[in-house]
Amino acid sequence: TLMIAPRQHPATACPYAPRCPHAQ
C-alpha cells in the first residue's frame, strides 16, 4: 500500500482501488 493514489479517478469507481491489494 505504499503507492499514492492519484487524486483524479472516475466518480463511479472506488477511490481506494489504485492502492488496494484486493481491488478487482
PDBML (XML) file of the C-alpha atoms, coordinates in Angstrom:
<?xml version="1.0" encoding="UTF-8" ?>
<PDBx:datablock datablockName="MODEL"
   xmlns:PDBx="http://pdbml.pdb.org/schema/pdbx-v50.xsd"
   xmlns:xsi="http://www.w3.org/2001/XMLSchema-instance"
   xsi:schemaLocation="http://pdbml.pdb.org/schema/pdbx-v50.xsd pdbx-v50.xsd">
   <PDBx:atom_siteCategory>
      <PDBx:atom_site id="1">
         <PDBx:B_iso_or_equiv>0.00</PDBx:B_iso_or_equiv>
         <PDBx:Cartn_x>0.000</PDBx:Cartn_x>
         <PDBx:Cartn_y>0.000</PDBx:Cartn_y>
         <PDBx:Cartn_z>0.000</PDBx:Cartn_z>
         <PDBx:auth_asym_id>A</PDBx:auth_asym_id>
         <PDBx:auth_atom_id>CA</PDBx:auth_atom_id>
         <PDBx:auth_comp_id>THR</PDBx:auth_comp_id>
         <PDBx:auth_seq_id>1</PDBx:auth_seq_id>
         <PDBx:group_PDB>ATOM</PDBx:group_PDB>
         <PDBx:label_alt_id xsi:nil="true" />
         <PDBx:label_asym_id>A</PDBx:label_asym_id>
         <PDBx:label_atom_id>CA</PDBx:label_atom_id>
         <PDBx:label_comp_id>THR</PDBx:label_comp_id>
         <PDBx:label_entity_id>1</PDBx:label_entity_id>
         <PDBx:label_seq_id>1</PDBx:label_seq_id>
         <PDBx:occupancy>1.00</PDBx:occupancy>
         <PDBx:pdbx_PDB_model_num>1</PDBx:pdbx_PDB_model_num>
         <PDBx:type_symbol>C</PDBx:type_symbol>
      </PDBx:atom_site>
      <PDBx:atom_site id="2">
         <PDBx:B_iso_or_equiv>0.00</PDBx:B_iso_or_equiv>
         <PDBx:Cartn_x>2.913</PDBx:Cartn_x>
         <PDBx:Cartn_y>2.382</PDBx:Cartn_y>
         <PDBx:Cartn_z>-0.463</PDBx:Cartn_z>
         <PDBx:auth_asym_id>A</PDBx:auth_asym_id>
         <PDBx:auth_atom_id>CA</PDBx:auth_atom_id>
         <PDBx:auth_comp_id>LEU</PDBx:auth_comp_id>
         <PDBx:auth_seq_id>2</PDBx:auth_seq_id>
         <PDBx:group_PDB>ATOM</PDBx:group_PDB>
         <PDBx:label_alt_id xsi:nil="true" />
         <PDBx:label_asym_id>A</PDBx:label_asym_id>
         <PDBx:label_atom_id>CA</PDBx:label_atom_id>
         <PDBx:label_comp_id>LEU</PDBx:label_comp_id>
         <PDBx:label_entity_id>1</PDBx:label_entity_id>
         <PDBx:label_seq_id>2</PDBx:label_seq_id>
         <PDBx:occupancy>1.00</PDBx:occupancy>
         <PDBx:pdbx_PDB_model_num>1</PDBx:pdbx_PDB_model_num>
         <PDBx:type_symbol>C</PDBx:type_symbol>
      </PDBx:atom_site>
      <PDBx:atom_site id="3">
         <PDBx:B_iso_or_equiv>0.00</PDBx:B_iso_or_equiv>
         <PDBx:Cartn_x>1.721</PDBx:Cartn_x>
         <PDBx:Cartn_y>3.641</PDBx:Cartn_y>
         <PDBx:Cartn_z>-3.860</PDBx:Cartn_z>
         <PDBx:auth_asym_id>A</PDBx:auth_asym_id>
         <PDBx:auth_atom_id>CA</PDBx:auth_atom_id>
         <PDBx:auth_comp_id>MET</PDBx:auth_comp_id>
         <PDBx:auth_seq_id>3</PDBx:auth_seq_id>
         <PDBx:group_PDB>ATOM</PDBx:group_PDB>
         <PDBx:label_alt_id xsi:nil="true" />
         <PDBx:label_asym_id>A</PDBx:label_asym_id>
         <PDBx:label_atom_id>CA</PDBx:label_atom_id>
         <PDBx:label_comp_id>MET</PDBx:label_comp_id>
         <PDBx:label_entity_id>1</PDBx:label_entity_id>
         <PDBx:label_seq_id>3</PDBx:label_seq_id>
         <PDBx:occupancy>1.00</PDBx:occupancy>
         <PDBx:pdbx_PDB_model_num>1</PDBx:pdbx_PDB_model_num>
         <PDBx:type_symbol>C</PDBx:type_symbol>
      </PDBx:atom_site>
      <PDBx:atom_site id="4">
         <PDBx:B_iso_or_equiv>0.00</PDBx:B_iso_or_equiv>
         <PDBx:Cartn_x>-0.022</PDBx:Cartn_x>
         <PDBx:Cartn_y>7.013</PDBx:Cartn_y>
         <PDBx:Cartn_z>-3.633</PDBx:Cartn_z>
         <PDBx:auth_asym_id>A</PDBx:auth_asym_id>
         <PDBx:auth_atom_id>CA</PDBx:auth_atom_id>
         <PDBx:auth_comp_id>ILE</PDBx:auth_comp_id>
         <PDBx:auth_seq_id>4</PDBx:auth_seq_id>
         <PDBx:group_PDB>ATOM</PDBx:group_PDB>
         <PDBx:label_alt_id xsi:nil="true" />
         <PDBx:label_asym_id>A</PDBx:label_asym_id>
         <PDBx:label_atom_id>CA</PDBx:label_atom_id>
         <PDBx:label_comp_id>ILE</PDBx:label_comp_id>
         <PDBx:label_entity_id>1</PDBx:label_entity_id>
         <PDBx:label_seq_id>4</PDBx:label_seq_id>
         <PDBx:occupancy>1.00</PDBx:occupancy>
         <PDBx:pdbx_PDB_model_num>1</PDBx:pdbx_PDB_model_num>
         <PDBx:type_symbol>C</PDBx:type_symbol>
      </PDBx:atom_site>
      <PDBx:atom_site id="5">
         <PDBx:B_iso_or_equiv>0.00</PDBx:B_iso_or_equiv>
         <PDBx:Cartn_x>-3.383</PDBx:Cartn_x>
         <PDBx:Cartn_y>7.039</PDBx:Cartn_y>
         <PDBx:Cartn_z>-5.354</PDBx:Cartn_z>
         <PDBx:auth_asym_id>A</PDBx:auth_asym_id>
         <PDBx:auth_atom_id>CA</PDBx:auth_atom_id>
         <PDBx:auth_comp_id>ALA</PDBx:auth_comp_id>
         <PDBx:auth_seq_id>5</PDBx:auth_seq_id>
         <PDBx:group_PDB>ATOM</PDBx:group_PDB>
         <PDBx:label_alt_id xsi:nil="true" />
         <PDBx:label_asym_id>A</PDBx:label_asym_id>
         <PDBx:label_atom_id>CA</PDBx:label_atom_id>
         <PDBx:label_comp_id>ALA</PDBx:label_comp_id>
         <PDBx:label_entity_id>1</PDBx:label_entity_id>
         <PDBx:label_seq_id>5</PDBx:label_seq_id>
         <PDBx:occupancy>1.00</PDBx:occupancy>
         <PDBx:pdbx_PDB_model_num>1</PDBx:pdbx_PDB_model_num>
         <PDBx:type_symbol>C</PDBx:type_symbol>
      </PDBx:atom_site>
      <PDBx:atom_site id="6">
         <PDBx:B_iso_or_equiv>0.00</PDBx:B_iso_or_equiv>
         <PDBx:Cartn_x>-3.978</PDBx:Cartn_x>
         <PDBx:Cartn_y>9.740</PDBx:Cartn_y>
         <PDBx:Cartn_z>-7.962</PDBx:Cartn_z>
         <PDBx:auth_asym_id>A</PDBx:auth_asym_id>
         <PDBx:auth_atom_id>CA</PDBx:auth_atom_id>
         <PDBx:auth_comp_id>PRO</PDBx:auth_comp_id>
         <PDBx:auth_seq_id>6</PDBx:auth_seq_id>
         <PDBx:group_PDB>ATOM</PDBx:group_PDB>
         <PDBx:label_alt_id xsi:nil="true" />
         <PDBx:label_asym_id>A</PDBx:label_asym_id>
         <PDBx:label_atom_id>CA</PDBx:label_atom_id>
         <PDBx:label_comp_id>PRO</PDBx:label_comp_id>
         <PDBx:label_entity_id>1</PDBx:label_entity_id>
         <PDBx:label_seq_id>6</PDBx:label_seq_id>
         <PDBx:occupancy>1.00</PDBx:occupancy>
         <PDBx:pdbx_PDB_model_num>1</PDBx:pdbx_PDB_model_num>
         <PDBx:type_symbol>C</PDBx:type_symbol>
      </PDBx:atom_site>
      <PDBx:atom_site id="7">
         <PDBx:B_iso_or_equiv>0.00</PDBx:B_iso_or_equiv>
         <PDBx:Cartn_x>-6.452</PDBx:Cartn_x>
         <PDBx:Cartn_y>12.431</PDBx:Cartn_y>
         <PDBx:Cartn_z>-6.980</PDBx:Cartn_z>
         <PDBx:auth_asym_id>A</PDBx:auth_asym_id>
         <PDBx:auth_atom_id>CA</PDBx:auth_atom_id>
         <PDBx:auth_comp_id>ARG</PDBx:auth_comp_id>
         <PDBx:auth_seq_id>7</PDBx:auth_seq_id>
         <PDBx:group_PDB>ATOM</PDBx:group_PDB>
         <PDBx:label_alt_id xsi:nil="true" />
         <PDBx:label_asym_id>A</PDBx:label_asym_id>
         <PDBx:label_atom_id>CA</PDBx:label_atom_id>
         <PDBx:label_comp_id>ARG</PDBx:label_comp_id>
         <PDBx:label_entity_id>1</PDBx:label_entity_id>
         <PDBx:label_seq_id>7</PDBx:label_seq_id>
         <PDBx:occupancy>1.00</PDBx:occupancy>
         <PDBx:pdbx_PDB_model_num>1</PDBx:pdbx_PDB_model_num>
         <PDBx:type_symbol>C</PDBx:type_symbol>
      </PDBx:atom_site>
      <PDBx:atom_site id="8">
         <PDBx:B_iso_or_equiv>0.00</PDBx:B_iso_or_equiv>
         <PDBx:Cartn_x>-8.292</PDBx:Cartn_x>
         <PDBx:Cartn_y>12.116</PDBx:Cartn_y>
         <PDBx:Cartn_z>-10.281</PDBx:Cartn_z>
         <PDBx:auth_asym_id>A</PDBx:auth_asym_id>
         <PDBx:auth_atom_id>CA</PDBx:auth_atom_id>
         <PDBx:auth_comp_id>GLN</PDBx:auth_comp_id>
         <PDBx:auth_seq_id>8</PDBx:auth_seq_id>
         <PDBx:group_PDB>ATOM</PDBx:group_PDB>
         <PDBx:label_alt_id xsi:nil="true" />
         <PDBx:label_asym_id>A</PDBx:label_asym_id>
         <PDBx:label_atom_id>CA</PDBx:label_atom_id>
         <PDBx:label_comp_id>GLN</PDBx:label_comp_id>
         <PDBx:label_entity_id>1</PDBx:label_entity_id>
         <PDBx:label_seq_id>8</PDBx:label_seq_id>
         <PDBx:occupancy>1.00</PDBx:occupancy>
         <PDBx:pdbx_PDB_model_num>1</PDBx:pdbx_PDB_model_num>
         <PDBx:type_symbol>C</PDBx:type_symbol>
      </PDBx:atom_site>
      <PDBx:atom_site id="9">
         <PDBx:B_iso_or_equiv>0.00</PDBx:B_iso_or_equiv>
         <PDBx:Cartn_x>-10.353</PDBx:Cartn_x>
         <PDBx:Cartn_y>8.943</PDBx:Cartn_y>
         <PDBx:Cartn_z>-10.625</PDBx:Cartn_z>
         <PDBx:auth_asym_id>A</PDBx:auth_asym_id>
         <PDBx:auth_atom_id>CA</PDBx:auth_atom_id>
         <PDBx:auth_comp_id>HIS</PDBx:auth_comp_id>
         <PDBx:auth_seq_id>9</PDBx:auth_seq_id>
         <PDBx:group_PDB>ATOM</PDBx:group_PDB>
         <PDBx:label_alt_id xsi:nil="true" />
         <PDBx:label_asym_id>A</PDBx:label_asym_id>
         <PDBx:label_atom_id>CA</PDBx:label_atom_id>
         <PDBx:label_comp_id>HIS</PDBx:label_comp_id>
         <PDBx:label_entity_id>1</PDBx:label_entity_id>
         <PDBx:label_seq_id>9</PDBx:label_seq_id>
         <PDBx:occupancy>1.00</PDBx:occupancy>
         <PDBx:pdbx_PDB_model_num>1</PDBx:pdbx_PDB_model_num>
         <PDBx:type_symbol>C</PDBx:type_symbol>
      </PDBx:atom_site>
      <PDBx:atom_site id="10">
         <PDBx:B_iso_or_equiv>0.00</PDBx:B_iso_or_equiv>
         <PDBx:Cartn_x>-13.722</PDBx:Cartn_x>
         <PDBx:Cartn_y>8.075</PDBx:Cartn_y>
         <PDBx:Cartn_z>-12.159</PDBx:Cartn_z>
         <PDBx:auth_asym_id>A</PDBx:auth_asym_id>
         <PDBx:auth_atom_id>CA</PDBx:auth_atom_id>
         <PDBx:auth_comp_id>PRO</PDBx:auth_comp_id>
         <PDBx:auth_seq_id>10</PDBx:auth_seq_id>
         <PDBx:group_PDB>ATOM</PDBx:group_PDB>
         <PDBx:label_alt_id xsi:nil="true" />
         <PDBx:label_asym_id>A</PDBx:label_asym_id>
         <PDBx:label_atom_id>CA</PDBx:label_atom_id>
         <PDBx:label_comp_id>PRO</PDBx:label_comp_id>
         <PDBx:label_entity_id>1</PDBx:label_entity_id>
         <PDBx:label_seq_id>10</PDBx:label_seq_id>
         <PDBx:occupancy>1.00</PDBx:occupancy>
         <PDBx:pdbx_PDB_model_num>1</PDBx:pdbx_PDB_model_num>
         <PDBx:type_symbol>C</PDBx:type_symbol>
      </PDBx:atom_site>
      <PDBx:atom_site id="11">
         <PDBx:B_iso_or_equiv>0.00</PDBx:B_iso_or_equiv>
         <PDBx:Cartn_x>-16.600</PDBx:Cartn_x>
         <PDBx:Cartn_y>9.265</PDBx:Cartn_y>
         <PDBx:Cartn_z>-9.999</PDBx:Cartn_z>
         <PDBx:auth_asym_id>A</PDBx:auth_asym_id>
         <PDBx:auth_atom_id>CA</PDBx:auth_atom_id>
         <PDBx:auth_comp_id>ALA</PDBx:auth_comp_id>
         <PDBx:auth_seq_id>11</PDBx:auth_seq_id>
         <PDBx:group_PDB>ATOM</PDBx:group_PDB>
         <PDBx:label_alt_id xsi:nil="true" />
         <PDBx:label_asym_id>A</PDBx:label_asym_id>
         <PDBx:label_atom_id>CA</PDBx:label_atom_id>
         <PDBx:label_comp_id>ALA</PDBx:label_comp_id>
         <PDBx:label_entity_id>1</PDBx:label_entity_id>
         <PDBx:label_seq_id>11</PDBx:label_seq_id>
         <PDBx:occupancy>1.00</PDBx:occupancy>
         <PDBx:pdbx_PDB_model_num>1</PDBx:pdbx_PDB_model_num>
         <PDBx:type_symbol>C</PDBx:type_symbol>
      </PDBx:atom_site>
      <PDBx:atom_site id="12">
         <PDBx:B_iso_or_equiv>0.00</PDBx:B_iso_or_equiv>
         <PDBx:Cartn_x>-18.209</PDBx:Cartn_x>
         <PDBx:Cartn_y>5.846</PDBx:Cartn_y>
         <PDBx:Cartn_z>-10.337</PDBx:Cartn_z>
         <PDBx:auth_asym_id>A</PDBx:auth_asym_id>
         <PDBx:auth_atom_id>CA</PDBx:auth_atom_id>
         <PDBx:auth_comp_id>THR</PDBx:auth_comp_id>
         <PDBx:auth_seq_id>12</PDBx:auth_seq_id>
         <PDBx:group_PDB>ATOM</PDBx:group_PDB>
         <PDBx:label_alt_id xsi:nil="true" />
         <PDBx:label_asym_id>A</PDBx:label_asym_id>
         <PDBx:label_atom_id>CA</PDBx:label_atom_id>
         <PDBx:label_comp_id>THR</PDBx:label_comp_id>
         <PDBx:label_entity_id>1</PDBx:label_entity_id>
         <PDBx:label_seq_id>12</PDBx:label_seq_id>
         <PDBx:occupancy>1.00</PDBx:occupancy>
         <PDBx:pdbx_PDB_model_num>1</PDBx:pdbx_PDB_model_num>
         <PDBx:type_symbol>C</PDBx:type_symbol>
      </PDBx:atom_site>
      <PDBx:atom_site id="13">
         <PDBx:B_iso_or_equiv>0.00</PDBx:B_iso_or_equiv>
         <PDBx:Cartn_x>-15.130</PDBx:Cartn_x>
         <PDBx:Cartn_y>3.941</PDBx:Cartn_y>
         <PDBx:Cartn_z>-9.134</PDBx:Cartn_z>
         <PDBx:auth_asym_id>A</PDBx:auth_asym_id>
         <PDBx:auth_atom_id>CA</PDBx:auth_atom_id>
         <PDBx:auth_comp_id>ALA</PDBx:auth_comp_id>
         <PDBx:auth_seq_id>13</PDBx:auth_seq_id>
         <PDBx:group_PDB>ATOM</PDBx:group_PDB>
         <PDBx:label_alt_id xsi:nil="true" />
         <PDBx:label_asym_id>A</PDBx:label_asym_id>
         <PDBx:label_atom_id>CA</PDBx:label_atom_id>
         <PDBx:label_comp_id>ALA</PDBx:label_comp_id>
         <PDBx:label_entity_id>1</PDBx:label_entity_id>
         <PDBx:label_seq_id>13</PDBx:label_seq_id>
         <PDBx:occupancy>1.00</PDBx:occupancy>
         <PDBx:pdbx_PDB_model_num>1</PDBx:pdbx_PDB_model_num>
         <PDBx:type_symbol>C</PDBx:type_symbol>
      </PDBx:atom_site>
      <PDBx:atom_site id="14">
         <PDBx:B_iso_or_equiv>0.00</PDBx:B_iso_or_equiv>
         <PDBx:Cartn_x>-13.871</PDBx:Cartn_x>
         <PDBx:Cartn_y>3.100</PDBx:Cartn_y>
         <PDBx:Cartn_z>-5.672</PDBx:Cartn_z>
         <PDBx:auth_asym_id>A</PDBx:auth_asym_id>
         <PDBx:auth_atom_id>CA</PDBx:auth_atom_id>
         <PDBx:auth_comp_id>CYS</PDBx:auth_comp_id>
         <PDBx:auth_seq_id>14</PDBx:auth_seq_id>
         <PDBx:group_PDB>ATOM</PDBx:group_PDB>
         <PDBx:label_alt_id xsi:nil="true" />
         <PDBx:label_asym_id>A</PDBx:label_asym_id>
         <PDBx:label_atom_id>CA</PDBx:label_atom_id>
         <PDBx:label_comp_id>CYS</PDBx:label_comp_id>
         <PDBx:label_entity_id>1</PDBx:label_entity_id>
         <PDBx:label_seq_id>14</PDBx:label_seq_id>
         <PDBx:occupancy>1.00</PDBx:occupancy>
         <PDBx:pdbx_PDB_model_num>1</PDBx:pdbx_PDB_model_num>
         <PDBx:type_symbol>C</PDBx:type_symbol>
      </PDBx:atom_site>
      <PDBx:atom_site id="15">
         <PDBx:B_iso_or_equiv>0.00</PDBx:B_iso_or_equiv>
         <PDBx:Cartn_x>-11.411</PDBx:Cartn_x>
         <PDBx:Cartn_y>5.881</PDBx:Cartn_y>
         <PDBx:Cartn_z>-4.742</PDBx:Cartn_z>
         <PDBx:auth_asym_id>A</PDBx:auth_asym_id>
         <PDBx:auth_atom_id>CA</PDBx:auth_atom_id>
         <PDBx:auth_comp_id>PRO</PDBx:auth_comp_id>
         <PDBx:auth_seq_id>15</PDBx:auth_seq_id>
         <PDBx:group_PDB>ATOM</PDBx:group_PDB>
         <PDBx:label_alt_id xsi:nil="true" />
         <PDBx:label_asym_id>A</PDBx:label_asym_id>
         <PDBx:label_atom_id>CA</PDBx:label_atom_id>
         <PDBx:label_comp_id>PRO</PDBx:label_comp_id>
         <PDBx:label_entity_id>1</PDBx:label_entity_id>
         <PDBx:label_seq_id>15</PDBx:label_seq_id>
         <PDBx:occupancy>1.00</PDBx:occupancy>
         <PDBx:pdbx_PDB_model_num>1</PDBx:pdbx_PDB_model_num>
         <PDBx:type_symbol>C</PDBx:type_symbol>
      </PDBx:atom_site>
      <PDBx:atom_site id="16">
         <PDBx:B_iso_or_equiv>0.00</PDBx:B_iso_or_equiv>
         <PDBx:Cartn_x>-9.155</PDBx:Cartn_x>
         <PDBx:Cartn_y>3.441</PDBx:Cartn_y>
         <PDBx:Cartn_z>-2.904</PDBx:Cartn_z>
         <PDBx:auth_asym_id>A</PDBx:auth_asym_id>
         <PDBx:auth_atom_id>CA</PDBx:auth_atom_id>
         <PDBx:auth_comp_id>TYR</PDBx:auth_comp_id>
         <PDBx:auth_seq_id>16</PDBx:auth_seq_id>
         <PDBx:group_PDB>ATOM</PDBx:group_PDB>
         <PDBx:label_alt_id xsi:nil="true" />
         <PDBx:label_asym_id>A</PDBx:label_asym_id>
         <PDBx:label_atom_id>CA</PDBx:label_atom_id>
         <PDBx:label_comp_id>TYR</PDBx:label_comp_id>
         <PDBx:label_entity_id>1</PDBx:label_entity_id>
         <PDBx:label_seq_id>16</PDBx:label_seq_id>
         <PDBx:occupancy>1.00</PDBx:occupancy>
         <PDBx:pdbx_PDB_model_num>1</PDBx:pdbx_PDB_model_num>
         <PDBx:type_symbol>C</PDBx:type_symbol>
      </PDBx:atom_site>
      <PDBx:atom_site id="17">
         <PDBx:B_iso_or_equiv>0.00</PDBx:B_iso_or_equiv>
         <PDBx:Cartn_x>-8.878</PDBx:Cartn_x>
         <PDBx:Cartn_y>0.968</PDBx:Cartn_y>
         <PDBx:Cartn_z>-5.798</PDBx:Cartn_z>
         <PDBx:auth_asym_id>A</PDBx:auth_asym_id>
         <PDBx:auth_atom_id>CA</PDBx:auth_atom_id>
         <PDBx:auth_comp_id>ALA</PDBx:auth_comp_id>
         <PDBx:auth_seq_id>17</PDBx:auth_seq_id>
         <PDBx:group_PDB>ATOM</PDBx:group_PDB>
         <PDBx:label_alt_id xsi:nil="true" />
         <PDBx:label_asym_id>A</PDBx:label_asym_id>
         <PDBx:label_atom_id>CA</PDBx:label_atom_id>
         <PDBx:label_comp_id>ALA</PDBx:label_comp_id>
         <PDBx:label_entity_id>1</PDBx:label_entity_id>
         <PDBx:label_seq_id>17</PDBx:label_seq_id>
         <PDBx:occupancy>1.00</PDBx:occupancy>
         <PDBx:pdbx_PDB_model_num>1</PDBx:pdbx_PDB_model_num>
         <PDBx:type_symbol>C</PDBx:type_symbol>
      </PDBx:atom_site>
      <PDBx:atom_site id="18">
         <PDBx:B_iso_or_equiv>0.00</PDBx:B_iso_or_equiv>
         <PDBx:Cartn_x>-5.443</PDBx:Cartn_x>
         <PDBx:Cartn_y>2.214</PDBx:Cartn_y>
         <PDBx:Cartn_z>-7.072</PDBx:Cartn_z>
         <PDBx:auth_asym_id>A</PDBx:auth_asym_id>
         <PDBx:auth_atom_id>CA</PDBx:auth_atom_id>
         <PDBx:auth_comp_id>PRO</PDBx:auth_comp_id>
         <PDBx:auth_seq_id>18</PDBx:auth_seq_id>
         <PDBx:group_PDB>ATOM</PDBx:group_PDB>
         <PDBx:label_alt_id xsi:nil="true" />
         <PDBx:label_asym_id>A</PDBx:label_asym_id>
         <PDBx:label_atom_id>CA</PDBx:label_atom_id>
         <PDBx:label_comp_id>PRO</PDBx:label_comp_id>
         <PDBx:label_entity_id>1</PDBx:label_entity_id>
         <PDBx:label_seq_id>18</PDBx:label_seq_id>
         <PDBx:occupancy>1.00</PDBx:occupancy>
         <PDBx:pdbx_PDB_model_num>1</PDBx:pdbx_PDB_model_num>
         <PDBx:type_symbol>C</PDBx:type_symbol>
      </PDBx:atom_site>
      <PDBx:atom_site id="19">
         <PDBx:B_iso_or_equiv>0.00</PDBx:B_iso_or_equiv>
         <PDBx:Cartn_x>-3.917</PDBx:Cartn_x>
         <PDBx:Cartn_y>1.432</PDBx:Cartn_y>
         <PDBx:Cartn_z>-3.645</PDBx:Cartn_z>
         <PDBx:auth_asym_id>A</PDBx:auth_asym_id>
         <PDBx:auth_atom_id>CA</PDBx:auth_atom_id>
         <PDBx:auth_comp_id>ARG</PDBx:auth_comp_id>
         <PDBx:auth_seq_id>19</PDBx:auth_seq_id>
         <PDBx:group_PDB>ATOM</PDBx:group_PDB>
         <PDBx:label_alt_id xsi:nil="true" />
         <PDBx:label_asym_id>A</PDBx:label_asym_id>
         <PDBx:label_atom_id>CA</PDBx:label_atom_id>
         <PDBx:label_comp_id>ARG</PDBx:label_comp_id>
         <PDBx:label_entity_id>1</PDBx:label_entity_id>
         <PDBx:label_seq_id>19</PDBx:label_seq_id>
         <PDBx:occupancy>1.00</PDBx:occupancy>
         <PDBx:pdbx_PDB_model_num>1</PDBx:pdbx_PDB_model_num>
         <PDBx:type_symbol>C</PDBx:type_symbol>
      </PDBx:atom_site>
      <PDBx:atom_site id="20">
         <PDBx:B_iso_or_equiv>0.00</PDBx:B_iso_or_equiv>
         <PDBx:Cartn_x>-5.938</PDBx:Cartn_x>
         <PDBx:Cartn_y>-1.603</PDBx:Cartn_y>
         <PDBx:Cartn_z>-2.652</PDBx:Cartn_z>
         <PDBx:auth_asym_id>A</PDBx:auth_asym_id>
         <PDBx:auth_atom_id>CA</PDBx:auth_atom_id>
         <PDBx:auth_comp_id>CYS</PDBx:auth_comp_id>
         <PDBx:auth_seq_id>20</PDBx:auth_seq_id>
         <PDBx:group_PDB>ATOM</PDBx:group_PDB>
         <PDBx:label_alt_id xsi:nil="true" />
         <PDBx:label_asym_id>A</PDBx:label_asym_id>
         <PDBx:label_atom_id>CA</PDBx:label_atom_id>
         <PDBx:label_comp_id>CYS</PDBx:label_comp_id>
         <PDBx:label_entity_id>1</PDBx:label_entity_id>
         <PDBx:label_seq_id>20</PDBx:label_seq_id>
         <PDBx:occupancy>1.00</PDBx:occupancy>
         <PDBx:pdbx_PDB_model_num>1</PDBx:pdbx_PDB_model_num>
         <PDBx:type_symbol>C</PDBx:type_symbol>
      </PDBx:atom_site>
      <PDBx:atom_site id="21">
         <PDBx:B_iso_or_equiv>0.00</PDBx:B_iso_or_equiv>
         <PDBx:Cartn_x>-4.313</PDBx:Cartn_x>
         <PDBx:Cartn_y>-5.071</PDBx:Cartn_y>
         <PDBx:Cartn_z>-2.653</PDBx:Cartn_z>
         <PDBx:auth_asym_id>A</PDBx:auth_asym_id>
         <PDBx:auth_atom_id>CA</PDBx:auth_atom_id>
         <PDBx:auth_comp_id>PRO</PDBx:auth_comp_id>
         <PDBx:auth_seq_id>21</PDBx:auth_seq_id>
         <PDBx:group_PDB>ATOM</PDBx:group_PDB>
         <PDBx:label_alt_id xsi:nil="true" />
         <PDBx:label_asym_id>A</PDBx:label_asym_id>
         <PDBx:label_atom_id>CA</PDBx:label_atom_id>
         <PDBx:label_comp_id>PRO</PDBx:label_comp_id>
         <PDBx:label_entity_id>1</PDBx:label_entity_id>
         <PDBx:label_seq_id>21</PDBx:label_seq_id>
         <PDBx:occupancy>1.00</PDBx:occupancy>
         <PDBx:pdbx_PDB_model_num>1</PDBx:pdbx_PDB_model_num>
         <PDBx:type_symbol>C</PDBx:type_symbol>
      </PDBx:atom_site>
      <PDBx:atom_site id="22">
         <PDBx:B_iso_or_equiv>0.00</PDBx:B_iso_or_equiv>
         <PDBx:Cartn_x>-7.767</PDBx:Cartn_x>
         <PDBx:Cartn_y>-6.650</PDBx:Cartn_y>
         <PDBx:Cartn_z>-3.122</PDBx:Cartn_z>
         <PDBx:auth_asym_id>A</PDBx:auth_asym_id>
         <PDBx:auth_atom_id>CA</PDBx:auth_atom_id>
         <PDBx:auth_comp_id>HIS</PDBx:auth_comp_id>
         <PDBx:auth_seq_id>22</PDBx:auth_seq_id>
         <PDBx:group_PDB>ATOM</PDBx:group_PDB>
         <PDBx:label_alt_id xsi:nil="true" />
         <PDBx:label_asym_id>A</PDBx:label_asym_id>
         <PDBx:label_atom_id>CA</PDBx:label_atom_id>
         <PDBx:label_comp_id>HIS</PDBx:label_comp_id>
         <PDBx:label_entity_id>1</PDBx:label_entity_id>
         <PDBx:label_seq_id>22</PDBx:label_seq_id>
         <PDBx:occupancy>1.00</PDBx:occupancy>
         <PDBx:pdbx_PDB_model_num>1</PDBx:pdbx_PDB_model_num>
         <PDBx:type_symbol>C</PDBx:type_symbol>
      </PDBx:atom_site>
      <PDBx:atom_site id="23">
         <PDBx:B_iso_or_equiv>0.00</PDBx:B_iso_or_equiv>
         <PDBx:Cartn_x>-9.016</PDBx:Cartn_x>
         <PDBx:Cartn_y>-4.454</PDBx:Cartn_y>
         <PDBx:Cartn_z>-5.996</PDBx:Cartn_z>
         <PDBx:auth_asym_id>A</PDBx:auth_asym_id>
         <PDBx:auth_atom_id>CA</PDBx:auth_atom_id>
         <PDBx:auth_comp_id>ALA</PDBx:auth_comp_id>
         <PDBx:auth_seq_id>23</PDBx:auth_seq_id>
         <PDBx:group_PDB>ATOM</PDBx:group_PDB>
         <PDBx:label_alt_id xsi:nil="true" />
         <PDBx:label_asym_id>A</PDBx:label_asym_id>
         <PDBx:label_atom_id>CA</PDBx:label_atom_id>
         <PDBx:label_comp_id>ALA</PDBx:label_comp_id>
         <PDBx:label_entity_id>1</PDBx:label_entity_id>
         <PDBx:label_seq_id>23</PDBx:label_seq_id>
         <PDBx:occupancy>1.00</PDBx:occupancy>
         <PDBx:pdbx_PDB_model_num>1</PDBx:pdbx_PDB_model_num>
         <PDBx:type_symbol>C</PDBx:type_symbol>
      </PDBx:atom_site>
      <PDBx:atom_site id="24">
         <PDBx:B_iso_or_equiv>0.00</PDBx:B_iso_or_equiv>
         <PDBx:Cartn_x>-10.842</PDBx:Cartn_x>
         <PDBx:Cartn_y>-6.187</PDBx:Cartn_y>
         <PDBx:Cartn_z>-8.832</PDBx:Cartn_z>
         <PDBx:auth_asym_id>A</PDBx:auth_asym_id>
         <PDBx:auth_atom_id>CA</PDBx:auth_atom_id>
         <PDBx:auth_comp_id>GLN</PDBx:auth_comp_id>
         <PDBx:auth_seq_id>24</PDBx:auth_seq_id>
         <PDBx:group_PDB>ATOM</PDBx:group_PDB>
         <PDBx:label_alt_id xsi:nil="true" />
         <PDBx:label_asym_id>A</PDBx:label_asym_id>
         <PDBx:label_atom_id>CA</PDBx:label_atom_id>
         <PDBx:label_comp_id>GLN</PDBx:label_comp_id>
         <PDBx:label_entity_id>1</PDBx:label_entity_id>
         <PDBx:label_seq_id>24</PDBx:label_seq_id>
         <PDBx:occupancy>1.00</PDBx:occupancy>
         <PDBx:pdbx_PDB_model_num>1</PDBx:pdbx_PDB_model_num>
         <PDBx:type_symbol>C</PDBx:type_symbol>
      </PDBx:atom_site>
   </PDBx:atom_siteCategory>
</PDBx:datablock>
